[in-house]
Amino acid sequence: MKFTKMQGCGNDYVYINGFVENIPTQEKPSLVRKLSDRHFGIGSDGVIFINPSDRADFEMEMYNADGSRSEMCGNGIRCVGKFVYDKGLTDKTEITVISGGQVKHLLLMVENGVVVKVRVNMGQPILEADKVPVITPGETAIDVPILVDGEGYRMTCVSMGNPHAVVFHDCVSKMDIEAVGPKFENHERFPNRTNTEFVEVLDRDTCFMRVWERGTGETLACGTGCCATAVACVLNDLTNTKLTVKVLGGELEIEWDRESNLVYMTGPAVTVFEGEMDEA
């Protein structure tokens, strides 16, 4: 089985060409866990299968490192765009990719024949509590309290196709995310678990974010998390609608166009290496 290792801001995935490799769906979770293992496998935050689609140019079938399915990945979908263009699966620089039933529009930025950056229309942020989903007294969860392991926090919940709880903090770099992250992820107020972003606002145009990803743990970046962070910053009047979100693996440019209610994400996509495994 051939594979390609790719990363966007350090958020790394193993990519498998579903046009060529025919792997039964029931075998994918165990395969994903093996490939994602950083000691006995290739090592990644998860695995993404790039498949044919009758609703878009391509389908992104994404799995977290623990073998669970995920609806969307911002860094992952940028790398899908690079994969299909660099591999000659398309010659278009504007393509559509469906993931979790949602079609996203990608603009591929090409230099010397290869994609170096991708701008993604990530769609409308979802704020309705029952659609995020999050259990909260009101219709939305904007700057609401939550008690986690005996400590009080305030969170703003946004779905970008997958659930996010954004928590603002004064010193994110010193937080013990390995301890608090799992408590947020599996908190009873999140029926489908949640991704959690811990965010420090630096100025009206910049913030720093660390993320605990559902089913994976802390990662160096999360594209949908950066989008959710930008939306939460604006909703709480902490930043402008266009800002740079700094993460451990780099930075992403996020813009929330309030008039169209669309979120745009721009960032790098990098091929790390390619290989072939003898057996699954």
Protein backbone atom coordinates (compact mmCIF):
# COMPACT_ATOMS: atom_id res chain seq x y z
CA MET A 1 0.00 0.00 0.00
CA LYS A 2 1.45 3.33 -1.07
CA PHE A 3 1.08 6.41 1.13
CA THR A 4 2.11 10.06 1.36
CA LYS A 5 2.94 11.82 4.63
CA MET A 6 1.86 15.49 4.59
CA GLN A 7 1.55 18.31 7.09
CA GLY A 8 0.00 21.73 7.45
CA CYS A 9 1.52 23.80 10.27
CA GLY A 10 2.75 20.57 11.84
CA ASN A 11 -0.69 18.93 11.83
CA ASP A 12 0.41 15.73 10.05
CA TYR A 13 -1.59 13.02 8.33
CA VAL A 14 -0.98 9.93 6.26
CA TYR A 15 -2.72 10.23 2.88
CA ILE A 16 -3.91 7.24 0.89
CA ASN A 17 -5.11 7.44 -2.70
CA GLY A 18 -8.56 5.85 -2.63
CA PHE A 19 -8.64 5.87 -6.43
CA VAL A 20 -5.96 3.17 -6.33
CA GLU A 21 -6.05 1.50 -2.90
CA ASN A 22 -9.25 -0.44 -2.18
CA ILE A 23 -9.48 -0.94 1.58
CA PRO A 24 -12.74 -2.25 3.09
CA THR A 25 -14.41 0.31 5.36
CA GLN A 26 -14.55 -2.06 8.33
CA GLU A 27 -10.77 -2.51 8.20
CA LYS A 28 -9.96 1.20 8.18
CA PRO A 29 -10.13 2.00 11.94
CA SER A 30 -7.55 -0.64 12.85
CA LEU A 31 -5.39 0.33 9.87
CA VAL A 32 -5.55 3.98 10.92
CA ARG A 33 -4.45 3.16 14.47
CA LYS A 34 -1.48 1.20 13.13
CA LEU A 35 -0.40 3.83 10.62
CA SER A 36 -0.78 6.69 13.10
CA ASP A 37 1.33 5.07 15.80
CA ARG A 38 4.52 7.11 16.12
CA HIS A 39 6.57 4.17 17.41
CA PHE A 40 5.33 1.17 15.44
CA GLY A 41 3.73 2.86 12.43
CA ILE A 42 4.36 5.83 10.18
CA GLY A 43 3.29 8.34 12.82
CA SER A 44 0.57 10.94 12.33
CA ASP A 45 -2.39 12.78 13.81
CA GLY A 46 -4.61 10.53 11.68
CA VAL A 47 -5.20 9.14 8.20
CA ILE A 48 -7.01 10.69 5.25
CA PHE A 49 -8.30 8.70 2.28
CA ILE A 50 -8.78 10.68 -0.95
CA ASN A 51 -11.70 9.16 -2.83
CA PRO A 52 -13.86 9.75 -5.90
CA SER A 53 -17.09 11.67 -5.33
CA ASP A 54 -20.25 12.29 -7.31
CA ARG A 55 -20.93 15.50 -5.36
CA ALA A 56 -17.51 17.17 -5.58
CA ASP A 57 -14.20 16.83 -7.36
CA PHE A 58 -12.89 14.65 -4.50
CA GLU A 59 -13.92 13.18 -1.18
CA MET A 60 -11.83 13.51 1.99
CA GLU A 61 -12.47 10.53 4.28
CA MET A 62 -10.78 11.47 7.54
CA TYR A 63 -9.92 9.43 10.62
CA ASN A 64 -8.39 10.53 13.92
CA ALA A 65 -5.35 8.70 15.25
CA ASP A 66 -7.55 6.53 17.50
CA GLY A 67 -9.45 5.23 14.49
CA SER A 68 -12.57 7.34 15.02
CA ARG A 69 -14.11 9.25 12.10
CA SER A 70 -13.99 13.02 11.98
CA GLU A 71 -16.16 15.30 9.89
CA MET A 72 -13.62 17.95 8.89
CA CYS A 73 -9.97 18.95 9.18
CA GLY A 74 -8.78 22.34 7.96
CA ASN A 75 -5.10 21.47 7.74
CA GLY A 76 -5.99 18.10 6.26
CA ILE A 77 -8.16 19.49 3.50
CA ARG A 78 -5.43 21.94 2.40
CA CYS A 79 -3.09 18.98 1.98
CA VAL A 80 -5.76 17.16 -0.01
CA GLY A 81 -5.69 20.08 -2.43
CA LYS A 82 -1.92 19.83 -2.75
CA PHE A 83 -2.04 16.05 -3.15
CA VAL A 84 -4.54 15.96 -6.00
CA TYR A 85 -2.83 18.78 -7.92
CA ASP A 86 0.77 17.67 -7.41
CA LYS A 87 -0.16 14.05 -8.26
CA GLY A 88 -1.90 15.10 -11.47
CA LEU A 89 -5.37 14.03 -10.36
CA THR A 90 -6.53 17.49 -11.43
CA ASP A 91 -5.12 20.42 -13.35
CA LYS A 92 -7.59 22.90 -11.85
CA THR A 93 -6.54 25.45 -9.24
CA GLU A 94 -10.09 25.83 -7.96
CA ILE A 95 -11.57 22.55 -6.76
CA THR A 96 -14.28 21.19 -4.48
CA VAL A 97 -13.77 18.60 -1.74
CA ILE A 98 -16.51 16.92 0.25
CA SER A 99 -15.95 15.73 3.81
CA GLY A 100 -18.56 14.67 6.32
CA GLY A 101 -21.25 15.54 3.80
CA GLN A 102 -20.06 19.15 3.43
CA VAL A 103 -18.59 20.51 0.21
CA LYS A 104 -15.68 22.95 0.57
CA HIS A 105 -14.22 25.18 -2.14
CA LEU A 106 -10.42 25.36 -2.37
CA LEU A 107 -8.19 27.86 -4.15
CA LEU A 108 -4.78 26.31 -4.84
CA MET A 109 -1.78 28.66 -4.88
CA VAL A 110 0.85 27.19 -7.20
CA GLU A 111 4.55 28.03 -7.47
CA ASN A 112 6.94 26.21 -9.84
CA GLY A 113 4.30 23.63 -10.63
CA VAL A 114 3.45 22.61 -7.07
CA VAL A 115 0.91 23.84 -4.52
CA VAL A 116 2.47 25.81 -1.66
CA LYS A 117 -0.60 27.39 -0.05
CA VAL A 118 -4.32 26.78 -0.10
CA ARG A 119 -7.23 29.10 0.67
CA VAL A 120 -10.34 27.26 1.80
CA ASN A 121 -13.88 28.54 2.06
CA MET A 122 -14.73 26.76 5.30
CA GLY A 123 -18.39 27.73 5.15
CA GLN A 124 -20.62 29.21 7.81
CA PRO A 125 -19.82 28.80 11.48
CA ILE A 126 -22.52 26.97 13.39
CA LEU A 127 -23.44 28.56 16.71
CA GLU A 128 -26.72 26.82 17.60
CA ALA A 129 -26.01 24.76 20.70
CA ASP A 130 -27.93 21.69 19.58
CA LYS A 131 -26.02 21.62 16.29
CA VAL A 132 -22.50 22.11 17.72
CA PRO A 133 -23.52 20.07 19.83
CA VAL A 134 -23.14 21.36 23.39
CA ILE A 135 -25.51 21.15 26.33
CA THR A 136 -26.19 24.68 27.58
CA PRO A 137 -29.26 26.55 28.90
CA GLY A 138 -29.44 29.02 26.00
CA GLU A 139 -29.69 28.65 22.22
CA THR A 140 -25.97 29.39 21.87
CA ALA A 141 -22.90 28.98 24.09
CA ILE A 142 -21.05 32.30 23.87
CA ASP A 143 -18.87 33.17 26.87
CA VAL A 144 -20.69 30.67 29.10
CA PRO A 145 -19.29 29.06 32.27
CA ILE A 146 -18.20 25.44 32.47
CA LEU A 147 -16.81 23.53 35.45
CA VAL A 148 -14.04 21.12 34.50
CA ASP A 149 -12.39 18.95 37.12
CA GLY A 150 -13.43 21.41 39.83
CA GLU A 151 -12.10 24.51 38.05
CA GLY A 152 -14.25 27.14 36.39
CA TYR A 153 -13.71 28.27 32.80
CA ARG A 154 -15.66 30.30 30.26
CA MET A 155 -16.11 28.93 26.77
CA THR A 156 -17.53 29.84 23.39
CA CYS A 157 -18.72 26.87 21.34
CA VAL A 158 -18.58 26.82 17.55
CA SER A 159 -18.92 24.07 14.98
CA MET A 160 -16.97 24.28 11.74
CA GLY A 161 -18.36 20.91 10.69
CA ASN A 162 -16.91 19.48 13.90
CA PRO A 163 -17.37 20.69 17.52
CA HIS A 164 -15.09 23.20 19.20
CA ALA A 165 -14.98 24.77 22.65
CA VAL A 166 -12.85 27.94 22.66
CA VAL A 167 -11.47 28.96 26.06
CA PHE A 168 -9.64 32.26 26.55
CA HIS A 169 -6.69 32.25 28.95
CA ASP A 170 -3.97 34.72 29.97
CA CYS A 171 -0.99 32.37 29.70
CA VAL A 172 -1.72 29.53 27.30
CA SER A 173 1.91 28.46 26.94
CA LYS A 174 2.06 27.37 30.59
CA MET A 175 -1.20 25.44 30.63
CA ASP A 176 -1.09 21.72 31.40
CA ILE A 177 -3.15 20.74 28.37
CA GLU A 178 -2.31 17.04 28.77
CA ALA A 179 -4.22 17.15 32.05
CA VAL A 180 -7.16 19.41 31.22
CA GLY A 181 -7.64 18.55 27.54
CA PRO A 182 -9.11 15.07 28.05
CA LYS A 183 -11.46 16.42 30.74
CA PHE A 184 -12.88 18.92 28.23
CA GLU A 185 -13.02 16.38 25.41
CA ASN A 186 -15.07 13.90 27.40
CA HIS A 187 -17.12 16.37 29.45
CA GLU A 188 -20.80 15.47 29.83
CA ARG A 189 -21.83 18.72 28.13
CA PHE A 190 -20.41 17.52 24.80
CA PRO A 191 -22.51 14.63 23.43
CA ASN A 192 -20.05 13.95 20.58
CA ARG A 193 -16.95 14.92 22.59
CA THR A 194 -15.21 18.14 21.58
CA ASN A 195 -12.03 19.76 20.32
CA THR A 196 -10.81 22.40 22.76
CA GLU A 197 -8.86 25.55 21.87
CA PHE A 198 -7.02 27.44 24.61
CA VAL A 199 -6.50 30.95 23.29
CA GLU A 200 -4.44 33.97 24.33
CA VAL A 201 -5.29 37.19 22.49
CA LEU A 202 -2.12 39.17 21.67
CA ASP A 203 -3.71 42.15 19.91
CA ARG A 204 -6.69 42.96 17.69
CA ASP A 205 -5.07 41.15 14.75
CA THR A 206 -3.28 38.25 16.41
CA CYS A 207 -3.84 35.45 18.88
CA PHE A 208 -1.96 32.36 20.07
CA MET A 209 -3.76 29.04 20.32
CA ARG A 210 -3.03 25.55 21.61
CA VAL A 211 -5.45 22.77 20.82
CA TRP A 212 -6.54 19.46 22.27
CA GLU A 213 -8.05 17.49 19.39
CA ARG A 214 -10.82 14.97 19.95
CA GLY A 215 -9.48 11.46 19.41
CA THR A 216 -5.85 12.57 18.97
CA GLY A 217 -4.60 14.78 21.82
CA GLU A 218 -2.59 17.98 21.57
CA THR A 219 -1.50 18.71 18.01
CA LEU A 220 0.71 21.42 16.56
CA ALA A 221 -2.22 22.96 14.68
CA CYS A 222 -5.91 22.55 13.92
CA GLY A 223 -7.39 24.34 10.91
CA THR A 224 -11.03 24.13 11.97
CA GLY A 225 -9.89 25.06 15.46
CA CYS A 226 -8.24 28.21 14.13
CA CYS A 227 -11.48 29.07 12.32
CA ALA A 228 -13.54 28.47 15.45
CA THR A 229 -11.04 30.54 17.43
CA ALA A 230 -11.36 33.48 15.05
CA VAL A 231 -15.16 33.34 15.24
CA ALA A 232 -15.05 33.18 19.03
CA CYS A 233 -12.62 36.13 19.17
CA VAL A 234 -14.97 38.25 17.07
CA LEU A 235 -18.08 37.18 18.99
CA ASN A 236 -16.39 38.25 22.23
CA ASP A 237 -15.14 41.51 20.63
CA LEU A 238 -11.51 40.61 21.23
CA THR A 239 -10.15 40.90 17.66
CA ASN A 240 -10.93 42.14 14.19
CA THR A 241 -12.65 39.88 11.67
CA LYS A 242 -9.36 39.12 9.88
CA LEU A 243 -6.55 37.84 12.05
CA THR A 244 -3.47 35.66 12.30
CA VAL A 245 -3.85 32.63 14.53
CA LYS A 246 -0.46 31.47 15.78
CA VAL A 247 -0.15 27.79 16.69
CA LEU A 248 2.75 25.61 17.82
CA GLY A 249 3.40 24.56 14.22
CA GLY A 250 3.15 27.93 12.49
CA GLU A 251 0.31 30.31 11.72
CA LEU A 252 -2.87 30.53 9.68
CA GLU A 253 -4.68 33.52 8.24
CA ILE A 254 -8.37 33.44 9.10
CA GLU A 255 -11.08 35.82 7.91
CA TRP A 256 -14.73 35.79 8.97
CA ASP A 257 -16.67 37.69 6.31
CA ARG A 258 -19.63 38.83 8.39
CA GLU A 259 -21.62 39.99 5.37
CA SER A 260 -21.62 36.55 3.75
CA ASN A 261 -21.15 34.75 7.09
CA LEU A 262 -18.34 32.68 5.57
CA VAL A 263 -15.00 31.79 7.15
CA TYR A 264 -11.87 31.65 4.98
CA MET A 265 -8.65 29.91 5.98
CA THR A 266 -5.30 30.34 4.21
CA GLY A 267 -2.19 28.37 5.06
CA PRO A 268 0.62 26.08 3.88
CA ALA A 269 0.48 22.48 2.68
CA VAL A 270 3.68 20.41 2.66
CA THR A 271 4.63 16.93 1.48
CA VAL A 272 6.99 15.33 4.01
CA PHE A 273 7.77 11.98 2.37
CA GLU A 274 6.26 9.08 0.45
CA GLY A 275 6.53 5.36 1.00
CA GLU A 276 5.01 1.93 0.69
CA MET A 277 4.00 -0.54 3.37
CA ASP A 278 4.25 -4.27 2.69
CA GLU A 279 1.10 -5.05 4.65
CA ALA A 280 -1.73 -3.23 6.42
